[in-house]
């Protein structure tokens, strides 16, 4: 997220760094996404993989359709 924000492809808020150079906003967003994934995996372990795999497949097909 930090690299994307620096390149202008993600919100500029993700490019903010602390005094020590840590991209705290991007790290917090990724920790939040990881937390949501962990909670979903604990709640419905058999369904989460199917949802994530389906989303990844959908996005991949959509990108290739745009390329074509």
C-alpha atoms as a PDB file:
ATOM      1  CA  UNK A   1       0.000   0.000   0.000  1.00  0.00           C
ATOM      2  CA  UNK A   2       2.831   2.356   0.824  1.00  0.00           C
ATOM      3  CA  UNK A   3       4.489   1.812  -2.560  1.00  0.00           C
ATOM      4  CA  UNK A   4       1.189   2.238  -4.369  1.00  0.00           C
ATOM      5  CA  UNK A   5       0.484   5.454  -2.455  1.00  0.00           C
ATOM      6  CA  UNK A   6       3.912   6.821  -3.337  1.00  0.00           C
ATOM      7  CA  UNK A   7       3.218   6.104  -6.993  1.00  0.00           C
ATOM      8  CA  UNK A   8      -0.175   7.819  -6.834  1.00  0.00           C
ATOM      9  CA  UNK A   9      -2.181   4.600  -7.242  1.00  0.00           C
ATOM     10  CA  UNK A  10      -3.579   4.480  -3.688  1.00  0.00           C
ATOM     11  CA  UNK A  11      -4.866   7.146  -1.319  1.00  0.00           C
ATOM     12  CA  UNK A  12      -2.150   9.554  -0.181  1.00  0.00           C
ATOM     13  CA  UNK A  13      -2.921   8.750   3.460  1.00  0.00           C
ATOM     14  CA  UNK A  14      -1.110   5.426   3.040  1.00  0.00           C
ATOM     15  CA  UNK A  15       2.125   7.267   2.181  1.00  0.00           C
ATOM     16  CA  UNK A  16       2.403   8.882   5.631  1.00  0.00           C
ATOM     17  CA  UNK A  17       5.356   7.758   7.716  1.00  0.00           C
ATOM     18  CA  UNK A  18       6.345   8.179  11.367  1.00  0.00           C
ATOM     19  CA  UNK A  19       9.469   9.983  12.596  1.00  0.00           C
ATOM     20  CA  UNK A  20      11.401   6.732  12.178  1.00  0.00           C
ATOM     21  CA  UNK A  21      10.176   6.186   8.629  1.00  0.00           C
ATOM     22  CA  UNK A  22       7.571   3.519   9.368  1.00  0.00           C
ATOM     23  CA  UNK A  23       4.552   3.657   7.026  1.00  0.00           C
ATOM     24  CA  UNK A  24       2.079   3.467   9.906  1.00  0.00           C
ATOM     25  CA  UNK A  25      -1.117   4.070   7.931  1.00  0.00           C
ATOM     26  CA  UNK A  26      -0.377   1.302   5.435  1.00  0.00           C
ATOM     27  CA  UNK A  27       0.708  -1.053   8.218  1.00  0.00           C
ATOM     28  CA  UNK A  28      -2.476  -0.330  10.194  1.00  0.00           C
ATOM     29  CA  UNK A  29      -4.664  -0.951   7.140  1.00  0.00           C
ATOM     30  CA  UNK A  30      -2.938  -4.253   6.404  1.00  0.00           C
ATOM     31  CA  UNK A  31      -3.223  -5.338  10.065  1.00  0.00           C
ATOM     32  CA  UNK A  32      -6.927  -4.508   9.931  1.00  0.00           C
ATOM     33  CA  UNK A  33      -7.397  -6.590   6.778  1.00  0.00           C
ATOM     34  CA  UNK A  34      -5.468  -9.456   8.358  1.00  0.00           C
ATOM     35  CA  UNK A  35      -7.643  -9.214  11.474  1.00  0.00           C
ATOM     36  CA  UNK A  36     -10.837  -9.376   9.426  1.00  0.00           C
ATOM     37  CA  UNK A  37      -9.470 -12.411   7.588  1.00  0.00           C
ATOM     38  CA  UNK A  38      -8.572 -14.141  10.842  1.00  0.00           C
ATOM     39  CA  UNK A  39     -12.019 -13.488  12.315  1.00  0.00           C
ATOM     40  CA  UNK A  40     -13.733 -14.774   9.178  1.00  0.00           C
ATOM     41  CA  UNK A  41     -11.514 -17.857   9.162  1.00  0.00           C
ATOM     42  CA  UNK A  42     -12.448 -18.587  12.777  1.00  0.00           C
ATOM     43  CA  UNK A  43     -16.160 -18.009  12.146  1.00  0.00           C
ATOM     44  CA  UNK A  44     -16.637 -19.914   8.886  1.00  0.00           C
ATOM     45  CA  UNK A  45     -13.422 -21.765   8.001  1.00  0.00           C
ATOM     46  CA  UNK A  46     -14.923 -23.796   5.170  1.00  0.00           C
ATOM     47  CA  UNK A  47     -16.476 -20.780   3.444  1.00  0.00           C
ATOM     48  CA  UNK A  48     -13.693 -18.213   3.631  1.00  0.00           C
ATOM     49  CA  UNK A  49     -11.362 -19.975   1.201  1.00  0.00           C
ATOM     50  CA  UNK A  50     -14.112 -20.251  -1.395  1.00  0.00           C
ATOM     51  CA  UNK A  51     -14.974 -16.563  -1.069  1.00  0.00           C
ATOM     52  CA  UNK A  52     -11.354 -15.396  -1.291  1.00  0.00           C
ATOM     53  CA  UNK A  53     -10.590 -17.710  -4.206  1.00  0.00           C
ATOM     54  CA  UNK A  54     -13.749 -16.580  -6.006  1.00  0.00           C
ATOM     55  CA  UNK A  55     -12.894 -12.914  -5.545  1.00  0.00           C
ATOM     56  CA  UNK A  56      -9.357 -13.455  -6.802  1.00  0.00           C
ATOM     57  CA  UNK A  57     -10.636 -15.327  -9.840  1.00  0.00           C
ATOM     58  CA  UNK A  58     -13.255 -12.684 -10.586  1.00  0.00           C
ATOM     59  CA  UNK A  59     -10.716  -9.867 -10.394  1.00  0.00           C
ATOM     60  CA  UNK A  60      -8.226 -11.754 -12.563  1.00  0.00           C
ATOM     61  CA  UNK A  61     -10.826 -12.453 -15.233  1.00  0.00           C
ATOM     62  CA  UNK A  62     -12.000  -8.844 -15.128  1.00  0.00           C
ATOM     63  CA  UNK A  63      -8.474  -7.529 -15.620  1.00  0.00           C
ATOM     64  CA  UNK A  64      -7.867  -9.862 -18.543  1.00  0.00           C
ATOM     65  CA  UNK A  65     -11.172  -8.835 -20.116  1.00  0.00           C
ATOM     66  CA  UNK A  66     -10.090  -5.208 -19.836  1.00  0.00           C
ATOM     67  CA  UNK A  67      -6.756  -6.064 -21.456  1.00  0.00           C
ATOM     68  CA  UNK A  68      -8.469  -7.860 -24.316  1.00  0.00           C
END
